[in-house]
PDB file of all heavy atoms in Angstrom:
ATOM      1  N   VAL A   1      13.807  -2.195   4.429  1.00  0.00           N
ATOM      2  CA  VAL A   1      12.476  -2.830   4.328  1.00  0.00           C
ATOM      3  C   VAL A   1      11.528  -1.963   3.489  1.00  0.00           C
ATOM      4  O   VAL A   1      11.675  -0.747   3.476  1.00  0.00           O
ATOM      5  CB  VAL A   1      11.912  -3.076   5.745  1.00  0.00           C
ATOM      6  CG1 VAL A   1      11.679  -1.744   6.450  1.00  0.00           C
ATOM      7  CG2 VAL A   1      10.622  -3.873   5.714  1.00  0.00           C
ATOM      8  N   VAL A   2      10.606  -2.625   2.805  1.00  0.00           N
ATOM      9  CA  VAL A   2       9.502  -1.909   2.143  1.00  0.00           C
ATOM     10  C   VAL A   2       8.362  -1.802   3.166  1.00  0.00           C
ATOM     11  O   VAL A   2       7.941  -2.809   3.763  1.00  0.00           O
ATOM     12  CB  VAL A   2       9.012  -2.647   0.889  1.00  0.00           C
ATOM     13  CG1 VAL A   2       7.741  -1.982   0.335  1.00  0.00           C
ATOM     14  CG2 VAL A   2      10.087  -2.657  -0.179  1.00  0.00           C
ATOM     15  N   LEU A   3       7.887  -0.579   3.386  1.00  0.00           N
ATOM     16  CA  LEU A   3       6.878  -0.326   4.421  1.00  0.00           C
ATOM     17  C   LEU A   3       5.664   0.350   3.799  1.00  0.00           C
ATOM     18  O   LEU A   3       5.784   1.359   3.116  1.00  0.00           O
ATOM     19  CB  LEU A   3       7.498   0.553   5.495  1.00  0.00           C
ATOM     20  CG  LEU A   3       6.630   0.901   6.721  1.00  0.00           C
ATOM     21  CD1 LEU A   3       6.238  -0.329   7.496  1.00  0.00           C
ATOM     22  CD2 LEU A   3       7.395   1.888   7.618  1.00  0.00           C
ATOM     23  N   CYS A   4       4.470  -0.242   4.036  1.00  0.00           N
ATOM     24  CA  CYS A   4       3.200   0.366   3.628  1.00  0.00           C
ATOM     25  C   CYS A   4       2.384   0.652   4.896  1.00  0.00           C
ATOM     26  O   CYS A   4       2.158  -0.272   5.688  1.00  0.00           O
ATOM     27  CB  CYS A   4       2.427  -0.563   2.710  1.00  0.00           C
ATOM     28  SG  CYS A   4       3.274  -1.080   1.218  1.00  0.00           S
ATOM     29  N   VAL A   5       2.003   1.909   5.089  1.00  0.00           N
ATOM     30  CA  VAL A   5       1.326   2.300   6.331  1.00  0.00           C
ATOM     31  C   VAL A   5      -0.010   2.932   5.995  1.00  0.00           C
ATOM     32  O   VAL A   5      -0.086   3.930   5.286  1.00  0.00           O
ATOM     33  CB  VAL A   5       2.192   3.274   7.137  1.00  0.00           C
ATOM     34  CG1 VAL A   5       1.496   3.608   8.460  1.00  0.00           C
ATOM     35  CG2 VAL A   5       3.565   2.705   7.403  1.00  0.00           C
ATOM     36  N   MET A   6      -1.089   2.368   6.527  1.00  0.00           N
ATOM     37  CA  MET A   6      -2.434   2.914   6.305  1.00  0.00           C
ATOM     38  C   MET A   6      -2.747   3.967   7.368  1.00  0.00           C
ATOM     39  O   MET A   6      -2.177   3.963   8.459  1.00  0.00           O
ATOM     40  CB  MET A   6      -3.474   1.774   6.331  1.00  0.00           C
ATOM     41  CG  MET A   6      -3.201   0.671   5.334  1.00  0.00           C
ATOM     42  SD  MET A   6      -4.529  -0.527   5.267  1.00  0.00           S
ATOM     43  CE  MET A   6      -5.793   0.371   4.360  1.00  0.00           C
ATOM     44  N   ASP A   7      -3.664   4.864   7.038  1.00  0.00           N
ATOM     45  CA  ASP A   7      -4.032   5.972   7.910  1.00  0.00           C
ATOM     46  C   ASP A   7      -5.548   6.056   8.014  1.00  0.00           C
ATOM     47  O   ASP A   7      -6.235   6.281   7.031  1.00  0.00           O
ATOM     48  CB  ASP A   7      -3.479   7.294   7.389  1.00  0.00           C
ATOM     49  CG  ASP A   7      -3.488   8.394   8.414  1.00  0.00           C
ATOM     50  OD1 ASP A   7      -4.469   8.499   9.188  1.00  0.00           O
ATOM     51  OD2 ASP A   7      -2.508   9.169   8.476  1.00  0.00           O
ATOM     52  N   SER A   8      -6.068   5.850   9.240  1.00  0.00           N
ATOM     53  CA  SER A   8      -7.520   5.829   9.425  1.00  0.00           C
ATOM     54  C   SER A   8      -8.161   7.230   9.319  1.00  0.00           C
ATOM     55  O   SER A   8      -9.371   7.348   9.204  1.00  0.00           O
ATOM     56  CB  SER A   8      -7.875   5.231  10.790  1.00  0.00           C
ATOM     57  OG  SER A   8      -7.325   6.009  11.834  1.00  0.00           O
ATOM     58  N   ARG A   9      -7.332   8.274   9.303  1.00  0.00           N
ATOM     59  CA  ARG A   9      -7.896   9.619   9.195  1.00  0.00           C
ATOM     60  C   ARG A   9      -8.377   9.914   7.777  1.00  0.00           C
ATOM     61  O   ARG A   9      -9.215  10.801   7.551  1.00  0.00           O
ATOM     62  CB  ARG A   9      -6.834  10.675   9.566  1.00  0.00           C
ATOM     63  CG  ARG A   9      -6.309  10.555  11.003  1.00  0.00           C
ATOM     64  CD  ARG A   9      -5.197  11.545  11.210  1.00  0.00           C
ATOM     65  NE  ARG A   9      -4.186  11.400  10.171  1.00  0.00           N
ATOM     66  CZ  ARG A   9      -3.401  12.381   9.730  1.00  0.00           C
ATOM     67  NH1 ARG A   9      -3.524  13.595  10.234  1.00  0.00           N
ATOM     68  NH2 ARG A   9      -2.504  12.167   8.797  1.00  0.00           N
ATOM     69  N   PHE A  10      -7.877   9.183   6.788  1.00  0.00           N
ATOM     70  CA  PHE A  10      -8.288   9.369   5.400  1.00  0.00           C
ATOM     71  C   PHE A  10      -9.450   8.425   5.094  1.00  0.00           C
ATOM     72  O   PHE A  10      -9.270   7.248   4.821  1.00  0.00           O
ATOM     73  CB  PHE A  10      -7.095   9.103   4.455  1.00  0.00           C
ATOM     74  CG  PHE A  10      -7.316   9.628   3.064  1.00  0.00           C
ATOM     75  CD1 PHE A  10      -6.645  10.756   2.628  1.00  0.00           C
ATOM     76  CD2 PHE A  10      -8.185   9.020   2.182  1.00  0.00           C
ATOM     77  CE1 PHE A  10      -6.811  11.249   1.347  1.00  0.00           C
ATOM     78  CE2 PHE A  10      -8.404   9.501   0.900  1.00  0.00           C
ATOM     79  CZ  PHE A  10      -7.704  10.619   0.468  1.00  0.00           C
ATOM     80  N   MET A  11     -10.658   8.955   5.200  1.00  0.00           N
ATOM     81  CA  MET A  11     -11.866   8.181   4.931  1.00  0.00           C
ATOM     82  C   MET A  11     -11.840   6.829   5.648  1.00  0.00           C
ATOM     83  O   MET A  11     -12.128   5.781   5.086  1.00  0.00           O
ATOM     84  CB  MET A  11     -12.078   7.996   3.415  1.00  0.00           C
ATOM     85  CG  MET A  11     -12.345   9.279   2.674  1.00  0.00           C
ATOM     86  SD  MET A  11     -12.914   9.058   0.989  1.00  0.00           S
ATOM     87  CE  MET A  11     -14.516   8.302   1.232  1.00  0.00           C
ATOM     88  N   MET A  12     -11.452   6.854   6.914  1.00  0.00           N
ATOM     89  CA  MET A  12     -11.427   5.690   7.792  1.00  0.00           C
ATOM     90  C   MET A  12     -10.507   4.578   7.231  1.00  0.00           C
ATOM     91  O   MET A  12     -10.711   3.399   7.508  1.00  0.00           O
ATOM     92  CB  MET A  12     -12.845   5.175   8.026  1.00  0.00           C
ATOM     93  CG  MET A  12     -12.994   4.296   9.253  1.00  0.00           C
ATOM     94  SD  MET A  12     -12.220   4.979  10.721  1.00  0.00           S
ATOM     95  CE  MET A  12     -11.496   3.543  11.444  1.00  0.00           C
ATOM     96  N   GLY A  13      -9.489   4.974   6.476  1.00  0.00           N
ATOM     97  CA  GLY A  13      -8.562   3.982   5.936  1.00  0.00           C
ATOM     98  C   GLY A  13      -9.235   2.998   4.976  1.00  0.00           C
ATOM     99  O   GLY A  13      -8.721   1.885   4.784  1.00  0.00           O
ATOM    100  N   SER A  14     -10.353   3.377   4.389  1.00  0.00           N
ATOM    101  CA  SER A  14     -11.082   2.478   3.511  1.00  0.00           C
ATOM    102  C   SER A  14     -10.242   2.133   2.280  1.00  0.00           C
ATOM    103  O   SER A  14      -9.464   2.937   1.786  1.00  0.00           O
ATOM    104  CB  SER A  14     -12.417   3.098   3.094  1.00  0.00           C
ATOM    105  OG  SER A  14     -12.223   4.381   2.559  1.00  0.00           O
ATOM    106  N   MET A  15     -10.412   0.898   1.793  1.00  0.00           N
ATOM    107  CA  MET A  15      -9.611   0.394   0.685  1.00  0.00           C
ATOM    108  C   MET A  15     -10.362   0.568  -0.623  1.00  0.00           C
ATOM    109  O   MET A  15     -11.306  -0.157  -0.927  1.00  0.00           O
ATOM    110  CB  MET A  15      -9.239  -1.072   0.914  1.00  0.00           C
ATOM    111  CG  MET A  15      -8.391  -1.630  -0.220  1.00  0.00           C
ATOM    112  SD  MET A  15      -7.706  -3.278   0.109  1.00  0.00           S
ATOM    113  CE  MET A  15      -9.200  -4.243   0.312  1.00  0.00           C
ATOM    114  N   GLY A  16      -9.909   1.526  -1.427  1.00  0.00           N
ATOM    115  CA  GLY A  16     -10.420   1.704  -2.753  1.00  0.00           C
ATOM    116  C   GLY A  16      -9.405   1.196  -3.777  1.00  0.00           C
ATOM    117  O   GLY A  16      -8.430   0.535  -3.444  1.00  0.00           O
ATOM    118  N   LYS A  17      -9.646   1.504  -5.038  1.00  0.00           N
ATOM    119  CA  LYS A  17      -8.809   1.013  -6.127  1.00  0.00           C
ATOM    120  C   LYS A  17      -7.370   1.473  -5.985  1.00  0.00           C
ATOM    121  O   LYS A  17      -6.419   0.683  -6.181  1.00  0.00           O
ATOM    122  CB  LYS A  17      -9.394   1.478  -7.479  1.00  0.00           C
ATOM    123  CG  LYS A  17      -8.712   0.905  -8.700  1.00  0.00           C
ATOM    124  CD  LYS A  17      -9.433   1.306  -9.958  1.00  0.00           C
ATOM    125  CE  LYS A  17      -8.745   0.706 -11.186  1.00  0.00           C
ATOM    126  NZ  LYS A  17      -9.460   1.092 -12.433  1.00  0.00           N
ATOM    127  N   VAL A  18      -7.154   2.722  -5.641  1.00  0.00           N
ATOM    128  CA  VAL A  18      -5.804   3.271  -5.542  1.00  0.00           C
ATOM    129  C   VAL A  18      -5.074   2.738  -4.323  1.00  0.00           C
ATOM    130  O   VAL A  18      -3.877   2.462  -4.382  1.00  0.00           O
ATOM    131  CB  VAL A  18      -5.832   4.827  -5.557  1.00  0.00           C
ATOM    132  CG1 VAL A  18      -4.473   5.395  -5.252  1.00  0.00           C
ATOM    133  CG2 VAL A  18      -6.313   5.305  -6.915  1.00  0.00           C
ATOM    134  N   VAL A  19      -5.786   2.560  -3.198  1.00  0.00           N
ATOM    135  CA  VAL A  19      -5.161   1.970  -2.028  1.00  0.00           C
ATOM    136  C   VAL A  19      -4.660   0.561  -2.356  1.00  0.00           C
ATOM    137  O   VAL A  19      -3.508   0.190  -2.053  1.00  0.00           O
ATOM    138  CB  VAL A  19      -6.138   1.909  -0.834  1.00  0.00           C
ATOM    139  CG1 VAL A  19      -5.582   1.063   0.291  1.00  0.00           C
ATOM    140  CG2 VAL A  19      -6.433   3.317  -0.326  1.00  0.00           C
ATOM    141  N   GLY A  20      -5.511  -0.241  -3.023  1.00  0.00           N
ATOM    142  CA  GLY A  20      -5.100  -1.589  -3.416  1.00  0.00           C
ATOM    143  C   GLY A  20      -3.924  -1.560  -4.383  1.00  0.00           C
ATOM    144  O   GLY A  20      -2.999  -2.360  -4.305  1.00  0.00           O
ATOM    145  N   GLU A  21      -3.981  -0.613  -5.321  1.00  0.00           N
ATOM    146  CA  GLU A  21      -2.907  -0.516  -6.351  1.00  0.00           C
ATOM    147  C   GLU A  21      -1.575  -0.125  -5.697  1.00  0.00           C
ATOM    148  O   GLU A  21      -0.530  -0.681  -6.033  1.00  0.00           O
ATOM    149  CB  GLU A  21      -3.321   0.513  -7.384  1.00  0.00           C
ATOM    150  CG  GLU A  21      -2.298   0.706  -8.525  1.00  0.00           C
ATOM    151  CD  GLU A  21      -2.129  -0.508  -9.407  1.00  0.00           C
ATOM    152  OE1 GLU A  21      -2.991  -1.404  -9.353  1.00  0.00           O
ATOM    153  OE2 GLU A  21      -1.100  -0.605 -10.100  1.00  0.00           O
ATOM    154  N   LYS A  22      -1.615   0.828  -4.764  1.00  0.00           N
ATOM    155  CA  LYS A  22      -0.384   1.256  -4.089  1.00  0.00           C
ATOM    156  C   LYS A  22       0.230   0.105  -3.270  1.00  0.00           C
ATOM    157  O   LYS A  22       1.456  -0.088  -3.283  1.00  0.00           O
ATOM    158  CB  LYS A  22      -0.640   2.465  -3.209  1.00  0.00           C
ATOM    159  CG  LYS A  22      -0.885   3.754  -3.981  1.00  0.00           C
ATOM    160  CD  LYS A  22      -1.077   4.955  -3.043  1.00  0.00           C
ATOM    161  CE  LYS A  22       0.221   5.417  -2.447  1.00  0.00           C
ATOM    162  NZ  LYS A  22       0.092   6.707  -1.747  1.00  0.00           N
ATOM    163  N   ILE A  23      -0.599  -0.647  -2.591  1.00  0.00           N
ATOM    164  CA  ILE A  23      -0.090  -1.780  -1.811  1.00  0.00           C
ATOM    165  C   ILE A  23       0.471  -2.849  -2.748  1.00  0.00           C
ATOM    166  O   ILE A  23       1.537  -3.424  -2.463  1.00  0.00           O
ATOM    167  CB  ILE A  23      -1.190  -2.361  -0.889  1.00  0.00           C
ATOM    168  CG1 ILE A  23      -1.528  -1.323   0.192  1.00  0.00           C
ATOM    169  CG2 ILE A  23      -0.740  -3.670  -0.261  1.00  0.00           C
ATOM    170  CD1 ILE A  23      -2.691  -1.695   1.072  1.00  0.00           C
ATOM    171  N   CYS A  24      -0.204  -3.104  -3.857  1.00  0.00           N
ATOM    172  CA  CYS A  24       0.334  -4.049  -4.861  1.00  0.00           C
ATOM    173  C   CYS A  24       1.697  -3.603  -5.375  1.00  0.00           C
ATOM    174  O   CYS A  24       2.617  -4.409  -5.494  1.00  0.00           O
ATOM    175  CB  CYS A  24      -0.636  -4.209  -6.026  1.00  0.00           C
ATOM    176  SG  CYS A  24      -2.055  -5.239  -5.685  1.00  0.00           S
ATOM    177  N   LYS A  25       1.806  -2.316  -5.667  1.00  0.00           N
ATOM    178  CA  LYS A  25       3.085  -1.794  -6.139  1.00  0.00           C
ATOM    179  C   LYS A  25       4.150  -1.917  -5.050  1.00  0.00           C
ATOM    180  O   LYS A  25       5.314  -2.172  -5.348  1.00  0.00           O
ATOM    181  CB  LYS A  25       2.946  -0.308  -6.535  1.00  0.00           C
ATOM    182  CG  LYS A  25       2.206  -0.092  -7.858  1.00  0.00           C
ATOM    183  CD  LYS A  25       2.120   1.397  -8.161  1.00  0.00           C
ATOM    184  CE  LYS A  25       1.462   1.657  -9.501  1.00  0.00           C
ATOM    185  NZ  LYS A  25       1.381   3.115  -9.803  1.00  0.00           N
ATOM    186  N   GLY A  26       3.746  -1.737  -3.777  1.00  0.00           N
ATOM    187  CA  GLY A  26       4.677  -1.911  -2.679  1.00  0.00           C
ATOM    188  C   GLY A  26       5.186  -3.351  -2.603  1.00  0.00           C
ATOM    189  O   GLY A  26       6.384  -3.600  -2.376  1.00  0.00           O
ATOM    190  N   VAL A  27       4.277  -4.305  -2.774  1.00  0.00           N
ATOM    191  CA  VAL A  27       4.666  -5.729  -2.749  1.00  0.00           C
ATOM    192  C   VAL A  27       5.610  -6.037  -3.930  1.00  0.00           C
ATOM    193  O   VAL A  27       6.622  -6.737  -3.777  1.00  0.00           O
ATOM    194  CB  VAL A  27       3.422  -6.638  -2.826  1.00  0.00           C
ATOM    195  CG1 VAL A  27       3.831  -8.110  -2.821  1.00  0.00           C
ATOM    196  CG2 VAL A  27       2.486  -6.356  -1.630  1.00  0.00           C
ATOM    197  N   GLU A  28       5.269  -5.508  -5.113  1.00  0.00           N
ATOM    198  CA  GLU A  28       6.119  -5.731  -6.290  1.00  0.00           C
ATOM    199  C   GLU A  28       7.483  -5.073  -6.132  1.00  0.00           C
ATOM    200  O   GLU A  28       8.502  -5.602  -6.594  1.00  0.00           O
ATOM    201  CB  GLU A  28       5.404  -5.201  -7.532  1.00  0.00           C
ATOM    202  CG  GLU A  28       4.192  -6.038  -7.932  1.00  0.00           C
ATOM    203  CD  GLU A  28       3.330  -5.384  -8.991  1.00  0.00           C
ATOM    204  OE1 GLU A  28       3.496  -4.149  -9.219  1.00  0.00           O
ATOM    205  OE2 GLU A  28       2.471  -6.086  -9.554  1.00  0.00           O
ATOM    206  N   LEU A  29       7.505  -3.927  -5.435  1.00  0.00           N
ATOM    207  CA  LEU A  29       8.785  -3.250  -5.148  1.00  0.00           C
ATOM    208  C   LEU A  29       9.653  -4.145  -4.251  1.00  0.00           C
ATOM    209  O   LEU A  29      10.850  -4.283  -4.488  1.00  0.00           O
ATOM    210  CB  LEU A  29       8.521  -1.901  -4.478  1.00  0.00           C
ATOM    211  CG  LEU A  29       9.734  -1.036  -4.124  1.00  0.00           C
ATOM    212  CD1 LEU A  29      10.467  -0.588  -5.396  1.00  0.00           C
ATOM    213  CD2 LEU A  29       9.296   0.192  -3.308  1.00  0.00           C
ATOM    214  N   ALA A  30       9.033  -4.723  -3.240  1.00  0.00           N
ATOM    215  CA  ALA A  30       9.761  -5.638  -2.340  1.00  0.00           C
ATOM    216  C   ALA A  30      10.236  -6.872  -3.102  1.00  0.00           C
ATOM    217  O   ALA A  30      11.355  -7.377  -2.869  1.00  0.00           O
ATOM    218  CB  ALA A  30       8.852  -6.045  -1.174  1.00  0.00           C
ATOM    219  N   THR A  31       9.423  -7.367  -4.019  1.00  0.00           N
ATOM    220  CA  THR A  31       9.802  -8.524  -4.811  1.00  0.00           C
ATOM    221  C   THR A  31      11.002  -8.197  -5.704  1.00  0.00           C
ATOM    222  O   THR A  31      11.964  -8.971  -5.784  1.00  0.00           O
ATOM    223  CB  THR A  31       8.627  -8.997  -5.697  1.00  0.00           C
ATOM    224  OG1 THR A  31       7.487  -9.250  -4.863  1.00  0.00           O
ATOM    225  CG2 THR A  31       8.962 -10.259  -6.478  1.00  0.00           C
ATOM    226  N   ARG A  32      10.907  -7.064  -6.377  1.00  0.00           N
ATOM    227  CA  ARG A  32      11.955  -6.657  -7.330  1.00  0.00           C
ATOM    228  C   ARG A  32      13.288  -6.401  -6.636  1.00  0.00           C
ATOM    229  O   ARG A  32      14.339  -6.778  -7.138  1.00  0.00           O
ATOM    230  CB  ARG A  32      11.469  -5.420  -8.075  1.00  0.00           C
ATOM    231  CG  ARG A  32      12.323  -5.018  -9.281  1.00  0.00           C
ATOM    232  CD  ARG A  32      11.608  -4.005 -10.138  1.00  0.00           C
ATOM    233  NE  ARG A  32      11.294  -2.765  -9.470  1.00  0.00           N
ATOM    234  CZ  ARG A  32      10.076  -2.365  -9.108  1.00  0.00           C
ATOM    235  NH1 ARG A  32       9.028  -3.163  -9.339  1.00  0.00           N
ATOM    236  NH2 ARG A  32       9.889  -1.214  -8.518  1.00  0.00           N
ATOM    237  N   LYS A  33      13.217  -5.772  -5.465  1.00  0.00           N
ATOM    238  CA  LYS A  33      14.456  -5.415  -4.761  1.00  0.00           C
ATOM    239  C   LYS A  33      14.874  -6.473  -3.739  1.00  0.00           C
ATOM    240  O   LYS A  33      15.852  -6.304  -3.018  1.00  0.00           O
ATOM    241  CB  LYS A  33      14.289  -4.056  -4.076  1.00  0.00           C
ATOM    242  CG  LYS A  33      14.191  -2.890  -5.055  1.00  0.00           C
ATOM    243  CD  LYS A  33      14.173  -1.563  -4.339  1.00  0.00           C
ATOM    244  CE  LYS A  33      14.172  -0.400  -5.341  1.00  0.00           C
ATOM    245  NZ  LYS A  33      15.476  -0.282  -6.008  1.00  0.00           N
ATOM    246  N   LYS A  34      14.066  -7.564  -3.658  1.00  0.00           N
ATOM    247  CA  LYS A  34      14.368  -8.661  -2.717  1.00  0.00           C
ATOM    248  C   LYS A  34      14.495  -8.181  -1.300  1.00  0.00           C
ATOM    249  O   LYS A  34      15.441  -8.498  -0.580  1.00  0.00           O
ATOM    250  CB  LYS A  34      15.615  -9.424  -3.167  1.00  0.00           C
ATOM    251  CG  LYS A  34      15.476 -10.063  -4.535  1.00  0.00           C
ATOM    252  CD  LYS A  34      16.705 -10.843  -4.929  1.00  0.00           C
ATOM    253  CE  LYS A  34      16.517 -11.493  -6.305  1.00  0.00           C
ATOM    254  NZ  LYS A  34      17.710 -12.234  -6.768  1.00  0.00           N
TER     255      LYS A  34
END
């Protein structure tokens, strides 16, 4: 499985540009590898 895990200790888990980008890459990784 592709797993993306957020951590509230890092600036309360706030979603910035890189957080969104990493999750998008995770979704694309899951798509590519089925």
